[in-house]
Amino acid sequence: DTPMHDLQALGFAVQELGLYLDTHADDAEAAE
């Protein structure tokens, strides 16, 4: 539980959700 690992997890989540939204642009919950 370090600031670096928190940033890694957030950065990963942003990338994953961005890729998901590439093919599921109408998923408002994921966009939020």
PDB file of all heavy atoms in Angstrom:
ATOM      1  N   ASP A   1       0.849  -1.189   0.000  1.00  0.00           N
ATOM      2  CA  ASP A   1       0.000   0.000   0.000  1.00  0.00           C
ATOM      3  C   ASP A   1       0.887   1.243   0.000  1.00  0.00           C
ATOM      4  O   ASP A   1       1.113   1.872   1.031  1.00  0.00           O
ATOM      5  CB  ASP A   1      -0.918  -0.021   1.228  1.00  0.00           C
ATOM      6  CG  ASP A   1      -2.061   0.962   1.099  1.00  0.00           C
ATOM      7  OD1 ASP A   1      -2.375   1.357  -0.046  1.00  0.00           O
ATOM      8  OD2 ASP A   1      -2.632   1.344   2.134  1.00  0.00           O
ATOM      9  N   THR A   2       1.416   1.572  -1.174  1.00  0.00           N
ATOM     10  CA  THR A   2       2.291   2.733  -1.321  1.00  0.00           C
ATOM     11  C   THR A   2       1.707   3.669  -2.372  1.00  0.00           C
ATOM     12  O   THR A   2       0.916   3.236  -3.224  1.00  0.00           O
ATOM     13  CB  THR A   2       3.701   2.314  -1.776  1.00  0.00           C
ATOM     14  OG1 THR A   2       3.608   1.738  -3.087  1.00  0.00           O
ATOM     15  CG2 THR A   2       4.330   1.318  -0.816  1.00  0.00           C
ATOM     16  N   PRO A   3       2.093   4.939  -2.340  1.00  0.00           N
ATOM     17  CA  PRO A   3       1.616   5.861  -3.380  1.00  0.00           C
ATOM     18  C   PRO A   3       1.973   5.395  -4.798  1.00  0.00           C
ATOM     19  O   PRO A   3       1.180   5.550  -5.719  1.00  0.00           O
ATOM     20  CB  PRO A   3       2.318   7.180  -3.042  1.00  0.00           C
ATOM     21  CG  PRO A   3       2.588   7.103  -1.577  1.00  0.00           C
ATOM     22  CD  PRO A   3       2.861   5.647  -1.306  1.00  0.00           C
ATOM     23  N   MET A   4       3.135   4.772  -4.975  1.00  0.00           N
ATOM     24  CA  MET A   4       3.545   4.296  -6.295  1.00  0.00           C
ATOM     25  C   MET A   4       2.626   3.181  -6.781  1.00  0.00           C
ATOM     26  O   MET A   4       2.173   3.181  -7.922  1.00  0.00           O
ATOM     27  CB  MET A   4       4.995   3.811  -6.283  1.00  0.00           C
ATOM     28  CG  MET A   4       5.453   3.232  -7.608  1.00  0.00           C
ATOM     29  SD  MET A   4       5.406   4.410  -8.965  1.00  0.00           S
ATOM     30  CE  MET A   4       6.834   5.382  -8.598  1.00  0.00           C
ATOM     31  N   HIS A   5       2.312   2.227  -5.923  1.00  0.00           N
ATOM     32  CA  HIS A   5       1.420   1.139  -6.327  1.00  0.00           C
ATOM     33  C   HIS A   5       0.001   1.638  -6.549  1.00  0.00           C
ATOM     34  O   HIS A   5      -0.712   1.133  -7.430  1.00  0.00           O
ATOM     35  CB  HIS A   5       1.452  -0.004  -5.317  1.00  0.00           C
ATOM     36  CG  HIS A   5       2.716  -0.798  -5.369  1.00  0.00           C
ATOM     37  ND1 HIS A   5       3.246  -1.428  -4.291  1.00  0.00           N
ATOM     38  CD2 HIS A   5       3.568  -1.064  -6.399  1.00  0.00           C
ATOM     39  CE1 HIS A   5       4.359  -2.044  -4.629  1.00  0.00           C
ATOM     40  NE2 HIS A   5       4.578  -1.826  -5.912  1.00  0.00           N
ATOM     41  N   ASP A   6      -0.428   2.619  -5.764  1.00  0.00           N
ATOM     42  CA  ASP A   6      -1.743   3.227  -6.004  1.00  0.00           C
ATOM     43  C   ASP A   6      -1.791   3.847  -7.397  1.00  0.00           C
ATOM     44  O   ASP A   6      -2.770   3.678  -8.129  1.00  0.00           O
ATOM     45  CB  ASP A   6      -2.057   4.289  -4.950  1.00  0.00           C
ATOM     46  CG  ASP A   6      -2.336   3.695  -3.580  1.00  0.00           C
ATOM     47  OD1 ASP A   6      -2.593   2.476  -3.489  1.00  0.00           O
ATOM     48  OD2 ASP A   6      -2.286   4.467  -2.594  1.00  0.00           O
ATOM     49  N   LEU A   7      -0.731   4.568  -7.761  1.00  0.00           N
ATOM     50  CA  LEU A   7      -0.674   5.171  -9.106  1.00  0.00           C
ATOM     51  C   LEU A   7      -0.641   4.111 -10.198  1.00  0.00           C
ATOM     52  O   LEU A   7      -1.291   4.256 -11.226  1.00  0.00           O
ATOM     53  CB  LEU A   7       0.549   6.075  -9.247  1.00  0.00           C
ATOM     54  CG  LEU A   7       0.439   7.451  -8.627  1.00  0.00           C
ATOM     55  CD1 LEU A   7       1.769   8.191  -8.750  1.00  0.00           C
ATOM     56  CD2 LEU A   7      -0.674   8.245  -9.275  1.00  0.00           C
ATOM     57  N   GLN A   8       0.108   3.042  -9.976  1.00  0.00           N
ATOM     58  CA  GLN A   8       0.151   1.970 -10.965  1.00  0.00           C
ATOM     59  C   GLN A   8      -1.232   1.376 -11.177  1.00  0.00           C
ATOM     60  O   GLN A   8      -1.644   1.135 -12.313  1.00  0.00           O
ATOM     61  CB  GLN A   8       1.123   0.870 -10.525  1.00  0.00           C
ATOM     62  CG  GLN A   8       2.562   1.262 -10.631  1.00  0.00           C
ATOM     63  CD  GLN A   8       3.480   0.188 -10.060  1.00  0.00           C
ATOM     64  OE1 GLN A   8       3.124  -0.569  -9.156  1.00  0.00           O
ATOM     65  NE2 GLN A   8       4.696   0.128 -10.593  1.00  0.00           N
ATOM     66  N   ALA A   9      -1.961   1.150 -10.094  1.00  0.00           N
ATOM     67  CA  ALA A   9      -3.302   0.570 -10.198  1.00  0.00           C
ATOM     68  C   ALA A   9      -4.248   1.528 -10.912  1.00  0.00           C
ATOM     69  O   ALA A   9      -5.028   1.107 -11.780  1.00  0.00           O
ATOM     70  CB  ALA A   9      -3.833   0.223  -8.810  1.00  0.00           C
ATOM     71  N   LEU A  10      -4.193   2.803 -10.585  1.00  0.00           N
ATOM     72  CA  LEU A  10      -5.065   3.779 -11.244  1.00  0.00           C
ATOM     73  C   LEU A  10      -4.727   3.910 -12.724  1.00  0.00           C
ATOM     74  O   LEU A  10      -5.620   3.959 -13.575  1.00  0.00           O
ATOM     75  CB  LEU A  10      -4.964   5.136 -10.552  1.00  0.00           C
ATOM     76  CG  LEU A  10      -5.581   5.216  -9.161  1.00  0.00           C
ATOM     77  CD1 LEU A  10      -5.199   6.523  -8.480  1.00  0.00           C
ATOM     78  CD2 LEU A  10      -7.088   5.059  -9.233  1.00  0.00           C
ATOM     79  N   GLY A  11      -3.439   3.975 -13.044  1.00  0.00           N
ATOM     80  CA  GLY A  11      -3.023   4.063 -14.449  1.00  0.00           C
ATOM     81  C   GLY A  11      -3.466   2.842 -15.237  1.00  0.00           C
ATOM     82  O   GLY A  11      -3.924   2.948 -16.379  1.00  0.00           O
ATOM     83  N   PHE A  12      -3.350   1.667 -14.622  1.00  0.00           N
ATOM     84  CA  PHE A  12      -3.796   0.435 -15.266  1.00  0.00           C
ATOM     85  C   PHE A  12      -5.300   0.476 -15.517  1.00  0.00           C
ATOM     86  O   PHE A  12      -5.772   0.129 -16.595  1.00  0.00           O
ATOM     87  CB  PHE A  12      -3.428  -0.772 -14.390  1.00  0.00           C
ATOM     88  CG  PHE A  12      -3.891  -2.080 -14.957  1.00  0.00           C
ATOM     89  CD1 PHE A  12      -3.190  -2.688 -15.979  1.00  0.00           C
ATOM     90  CD2 PHE A  12      -5.030  -2.692 -14.477  1.00  0.00           C
ATOM     91  CE1 PHE A  12      -3.612  -3.892 -16.521  1.00  0.00           C
ATOM     92  CE2 PHE A  12      -5.463  -3.893 -14.995  1.00  0.00           C
ATOM     93  CZ  PHE A  12      -4.749  -4.496 -16.026  1.00  0.00           C
ATOM     94  N   ALA A  13      -6.061   0.921 -14.515  1.00  0.00           N
ATOM     95  CA  ALA A  13      -7.517   0.995 -14.655  1.00  0.00           C
ATOM     96  C   ALA A  13      -7.921   1.962 -15.768  1.00  0.00           C
ATOM     97  O   ALA A  13      -8.842   1.669 -16.544  1.00  0.00           O
ATOM     98  CB  ALA A  13      -8.154   1.403 -13.327  1.00  0.00           C
ATOM     99  N   VAL A  14      -7.240   3.083 -15.864  1.00  0.00           N
ATOM    100  CA  VAL A  14      -7.534   4.051 -16.930  1.00  0.00           C
ATOM    101  C   VAL A  14      -7.293   3.420 -18.298  1.00  0.00           C
ATOM    102  O   VAL A  14      -8.114   3.535 -19.212  1.00  0.00           O
ATOM    103  CB  VAL A  14      -6.695   5.344 -16.750  1.00  0.00           C
ATOM    104  CG1 VAL A  14      -6.777   6.228 -17.975  1.00  0.00           C
ATOM    105  CG2 VAL A  14      -7.151   6.111 -15.514  1.00  0.00           C
ATOM    106  N   GLN A  15      -6.172   2.702 -18.449  1.00  0.00           N
ATOM    107  CA  GLN A  15      -5.864   2.045 -19.722  1.00  0.00           C
ATOM    108  C   GLN A  15      -6.890   0.966 -20.055  1.00  0.00           C
ATOM    109  O   GLN A  15      -7.373   0.870 -21.185  1.00  0.00           O
ATOM    110  CB  GLN A  15      -4.459   1.432 -19.685  1.00  0.00           C
ATOM    111  CG  GLN A  15      -3.347   2.434 -19.712  1.00  0.00           C
ATOM    112  CD  GLN A  15      -3.313   3.205 -21.014  1.00  0.00           C
ATOM    113  OE1 GLN A  15      -3.524   2.661 -22.091  1.00  0.00           O
ATOM    114  NE2 GLN A  15      -3.053   4.488 -20.921  1.00  0.00           N
ATOM    115  N   GLU A  16      -7.207   0.125 -19.075  1.00  0.00           N
ATOM    116  CA  GLU A  16      -8.165  -0.965 -19.302  1.00  0.00           C
ATOM    117  C   GLU A  16      -9.540  -0.433 -19.688  1.00  0.00           C
ATOM    118  O   GLU A  16     -10.172  -0.935 -20.616  1.00  0.00           O
ATOM    119  CB  GLU A  16      -8.308  -1.813 -18.029  1.00  0.00           C
ATOM    120  CG  GLU A  16      -7.247  -2.853 -17.846  1.00  0.00           C
ATOM    121  CD  GLU A  16      -7.482  -4.067 -18.724  1.00  0.00           C
ATOM    122  OE1 GLU A  16      -8.300  -4.934 -18.384  1.00  0.00           O
ATOM    123  OE2 GLU A  16      -6.820  -4.152 -19.765  1.00  0.00           O
ATOM    124  N   LEU A  17     -10.004   0.568 -18.955  1.00  0.00           N
ATOM    125  CA  LEU A  17     -11.317   1.123 -19.266  1.00  0.00           C
ATOM    126  C   LEU A  17     -11.311   1.840 -20.609  1.00  0.00           C
ATOM    127  O   LEU A  17     -12.297   1.798 -21.347  1.00  0.00           O
ATOM    128  CB  LEU A  17     -11.783   2.058 -18.147  1.00  0.00           C
ATOM    129  CG  LEU A  17     -12.229   1.335 -16.887  1.00  0.00           C
ATOM    130  CD1 LEU A  17     -12.365   2.316 -15.726  1.00  0.00           C
ATOM    131  CD2 LEU A  17     -13.535   0.589 -17.118  1.00  0.00           C
ATOM    132  N   GLY A  18     -10.207   2.492 -20.934  1.00  0.00           N
ATOM    133  CA  GLY A  18     -10.094   3.135 -22.245  1.00  0.00           C
ATOM    134  C   GLY A  18     -10.201   2.124 -23.372  1.00  0.00           C
ATOM    135  O   GLY A  18     -10.895   2.356 -24.367  1.00  0.00           O
ATOM    136  N   LEU A  19      -9.543   0.988 -23.221  1.00  0.00           N
ATOM    137  CA  LEU A  19      -9.632  -0.061 -24.236  1.00  0.00           C
ATOM    138  C   LEU A  19     -11.044  -0.627 -24.318  1.00  0.00           C
ATOM    139  O   LEU A  19     -11.563  -0.881 -25.410  1.00  0.00           O
ATOM    140  CB  LEU A  19      -8.633  -1.185 -23.925  1.00  0.00           C
ATOM    141  CG  LEU A  19      -7.164  -0.812 -24.087  1.00  0.00           C
ATOM    142  CD1 LEU A  19      -6.270  -1.903 -23.520  1.00  0.00           C
ATOM    143  CD2 LEU A  19      -6.838  -0.536 -25.543  1.00  0.00           C
ATOM    144  N   TYR A  20     -11.668  -0.828 -23.178  1.00  0.00           N
ATOM    145  CA  TYR A  20     -13.043  -1.326 -23.156  1.00  0.00           C
ATOM    146  C   TYR A  20     -13.976  -0.336 -23.860  1.00  0.00           C
ATOM    147  O   TYR A  20     -14.836  -0.726 -24.655  1.00  0.00           O
ATOM    148  CB  TYR A  20     -13.484  -1.560 -21.712  1.00  0.00           C
ATOM    149  CG  TYR A  20     -14.954  -1.844 -21.558  1.00  0.00           C
ATOM    150  CD1 TYR A  20     -15.467  -3.104 -21.848  1.00  0.00           C
ATOM    151  CD2 TYR A  20     -15.838  -0.858 -21.132  1.00  0.00           C
ATOM    152  CE1 TYR A  20     -16.816  -3.378 -21.718  1.00  0.00           C
ATOM    153  CE2 TYR A  20     -17.184  -1.115 -20.993  1.00  0.00           C
ATOM    154  CZ  TYR A  20     -17.677  -2.367 -21.286  1.00  0.00           C
ATOM    155  OH  TYR A  20     -19.010  -2.629 -21.165  1.00  0.00           O
ATOM    156  N   LEU A  21     -13.810   0.949 -23.567  1.00  0.00           N
ATOM    157  CA  LEU A  21     -14.686   1.957 -24.155  1.00  0.00           C
ATOM    158  C   LEU A  21     -14.476   2.102 -25.664  1.00  0.00           C
ATOM    159  O   LEU A  21     -15.365   2.582 -26.369  1.00  0.00           O
ATOM    160  CB  LEU A  21     -14.502   3.302 -23.447  1.00  0.00           C
ATOM    161  CG  LEU A  21     -15.077   3.341 -22.028  1.00  0.00           C
ATOM    162  CD1 LEU A  21     -14.601   4.590 -21.290  1.00  0.00           C
ATOM    163  CD2 LEU A  21     -16.595   3.265 -22.052  1.00  0.00           C
ATOM    164  N   ASP A  22     -13.317   1.673 -26.167  1.00  0.00           N
ATOM    165  CA  ASP A  22     -13.102   1.667 -27.627  1.00  0.00           C
ATOM    166  C   ASP A  22     -14.152   0.823 -28.333  1.00  0.00           C
ATOM    167  O   ASP A  22     -14.556   1.118 -29.449  1.00  0.00           O
ATOM    168  CB  ASP A  22     -11.715   1.114 -27.978  1.00  0.00           C
ATOM    169  CG  ASP A  22     -10.601   2.108 -27.729  1.00  0.00           C
ATOM    170  OD1 ASP A  22     -10.892   3.305 -27.514  1.00  0.00           O
ATOM    171  OD2 ASP A  22      -9.429   1.681 -27.735  1.00  0.00           O
ATOM    172  N   THR A  23     -14.587  -0.255 -27.685  1.00  0.00           N
ATOM    173  CA  THR A  23     -15.554  -1.166 -28.310  1.00  0.00           C
ATOM    174  C   THR A  23     -16.932  -1.123 -27.654  1.00  0.00           C
ATOM    175  O   THR A  23     -17.853  -1.780 -28.121  1.00  0.00           O
ATOM    176  CB  THR A  23     -15.034  -2.618 -28.270  1.00  0.00           C
ATOM    177  OG1 THR A  23     -14.778  -2.980 -26.904  1.00  0.00           O
ATOM    178  CG2 THR A  23     -13.772  -2.766 -29.109  1.00  0.00           C
ATOM    179  N   HIS A  24     -17.065  -0.372 -26.566  1.00  0.00           N
ATOM    180  CA  HIS A  24     -18.333  -0.286 -25.842  1.00  0.00           C
ATOM    181  C   HIS A  24     -18.612   1.180 -25.485  1.00  0.00           C
ATOM    182  O   HIS A  24     -18.820   1.530 -24.324  1.00  0.00           O
ATOM    183  CB  HIS A  24     -18.293  -1.134 -24.563  1.00  0.00           C
ATOM    184  CG  HIS A  24     -18.109  -2.594 -24.814  1.00  0.00           C
ATOM    185  ND1 HIS A  24     -16.896  -3.151 -25.138  1.00  0.00           N
ATOM    186  CD2 HIS A  24     -19.005  -3.609 -24.804  1.00  0.00           C
ATOM    187  CE1 HIS A  24     -17.046  -4.452 -25.299  1.00  0.00           C
ATOM    188  NE2 HIS A  24     -18.320  -4.757 -25.106  1.00  0.00           N
ATOM    189  N   ALA A  25     -18.614   2.024 -26.488  1.00  0.00           N
ATOM    190  CA  ALA A  25     -18.747   3.470 -26.276  1.00  0.00           C
ATOM    191  C   ALA A  25     -20.064   3.863 -25.628  1.00  0.00           C
ATOM    192  O   ALA A  25     -20.159   4.949 -25.048  1.00  0.00           O
ATOM    193  CB  ALA A  25     -18.587   4.198 -27.607  1.00  0.00           C
ATOM    194  N   ASP A  26     -21.058   3.013 -25.679  1.00  0.00           N
ATOM    195  CA  ASP A  26     -22.362   3.348 -25.117  1.00  0.00           C
ATOM    196  C   ASP A  26     -22.515   2.936 -23.647  1.00  0.00           C
ATOM    197  O   ASP A  26     -23.573   3.119 -23.058  1.00  0.00           O
ATOM    198  CB  ASP A  26     -23.481   2.713 -25.944  1.00  0.00           C
ATOM    199  CG  ASP A  26     -23.360   1.192 -26.018  1.00  0.00           C
ATOM    200  OD1 ASP A  26     -22.257   0.670 -25.767  1.00  0.00           O
ATOM    201  OD2 ASP A  26     -24.366   0.544 -26.335  1.00  0.00           O
ATOM    202  N   ASP A  27     -21.465   2.434 -23.020  1.00  0.00           N
ATOM    203  CA  ASP A  27     -21.530   2.024 -21.620  1.00  0.00           C
ATOM    204  C   ASP A  27     -21.258   3.247 -20.731  1.00  0.00           C
ATOM    205  O   ASP A  27     -20.111   3.573 -20.418  1.00  0.00           O
ATOM    206  CB  ASP A  27     -20.523   0.904 -21.345  1.00  0.00           C
ATOM    207  CG  ASP A  27     -20.683   0.272 -19.975  1.00  0.00           C
ATOM    208  OD1 ASP A  27     -21.211   0.938 -19.051  1.00  0.00           O
ATOM    209  OD2 ASP A  27     -20.269  -0.887 -19.815  1.00  0.00           O
ATOM    210  N   ALA A  28     -22.325   3.923 -20.330  1.00  0.00           N
ATOM    211  CA  ALA A  28     -22.212   5.167 -19.565  1.00  0.00           C
ATOM    212  C   ALA A  28     -21.567   4.945 -18.201  1.00  0.00           C
ATOM    213  O   ALA A  28     -20.800   5.790 -17.728  1.00  0.00           O
ATOM    214  CB  ALA A  28     -23.590   5.798 -19.404  1.00  0.00           C
ATOM    215  N   GLU A  29     -21.857   3.816 -17.581  1.00  0.00           N
ATOM    216  CA  GLU A  29     -21.269   3.524 -16.268  1.00  0.00           C
ATOM    217  C   GLU A  29     -19.753   3.390 -16.369  1.00  0.00           C
ATOM    218  O   GLU A  29     -19.014   3.911 -15.535  1.00  0.00           O
ATOM    219  CB  GLU A  29     -21.884   2.257 -15.690  1.00  0.00           C
ATOM    220  CG  GLU A  29     -21.422   1.951 -14.284  1.00  0.00           C
ATOM    221  CD  GLU A  29     -22.054   0.689 -13.720  1.00  0.00           C
ATOM    222  OE1 GLU A  29     -23.202   0.368 -14.093  1.00  0.00           O
ATOM    223  OE2 GLU A  29     -21.389   0.023 -12.907  1.00  0.00           O
ATOM    224  N   ALA A  30     -19.279   2.701 -17.395  1.00  0.00           N
ATOM    225  CA  ALA A  30     -17.838   2.549 -17.593  1.00  0.00           C
ATOM    226  C   ALA A  30     -17.190   3.888 -17.927  1.00  0.00           C
ATOM    227  O   ALA A  30     -16.080   4.169 -17.479  1.00  0.00           O
ATOM    228  CB  ALA A  30     -17.555   1.531 -18.695  1.00  0.00           C
ATOM    229  N   ALA A  31     -17.869   4.703 -18.709  1.00  0.00           N
ATOM    230  CA  ALA A  31     -17.336   6.029 -19.046  1.00  0.00           C
ATOM    231  C   ALA A  31     -17.206   6.888 -17.791  1.00  0.00           C
ATOM    232  O   ALA A  31     -16.207   7.604 -17.618  1.00  0.00           O
ATOM    233  CB  ALA A  31     -18.220   6.708 -20.083  1.00  0.00           C
ATOM    234  N   GLU A  32     -18.197   6.800 -16.916  1.00  0.00           N
ATOM    235  CA  GLU A  32     -18.152   7.548 -15.656  1.00  0.00           C
ATOM    236  C   GLU A  32     -17.002   7.048 -14.777  1.00  0.00           C
ATOM    237  O   GLU A  32     -16.267   7.839 -14.172  1.00  0.00           O
ATOM    238  CB  GLU A  32     -19.482   7.396 -14.924  1.00  0.00           C
ATOM    239  CG  GLU A  32     -19.560   8.167 -13.631  1.00  0.00           C
ATOM    240  CD  GLU A  32     -20.894   7.960 -12.930  1.00  0.00           C
ATOM    241  OE1 GLU A  32     -21.945   8.015 -13.603  1.00  0.00           O
ATOM    242  OE2 GLU A  32     -20.870   7.752 -11.704  1.00  0.00           O
TER     243      GLU A  32
END
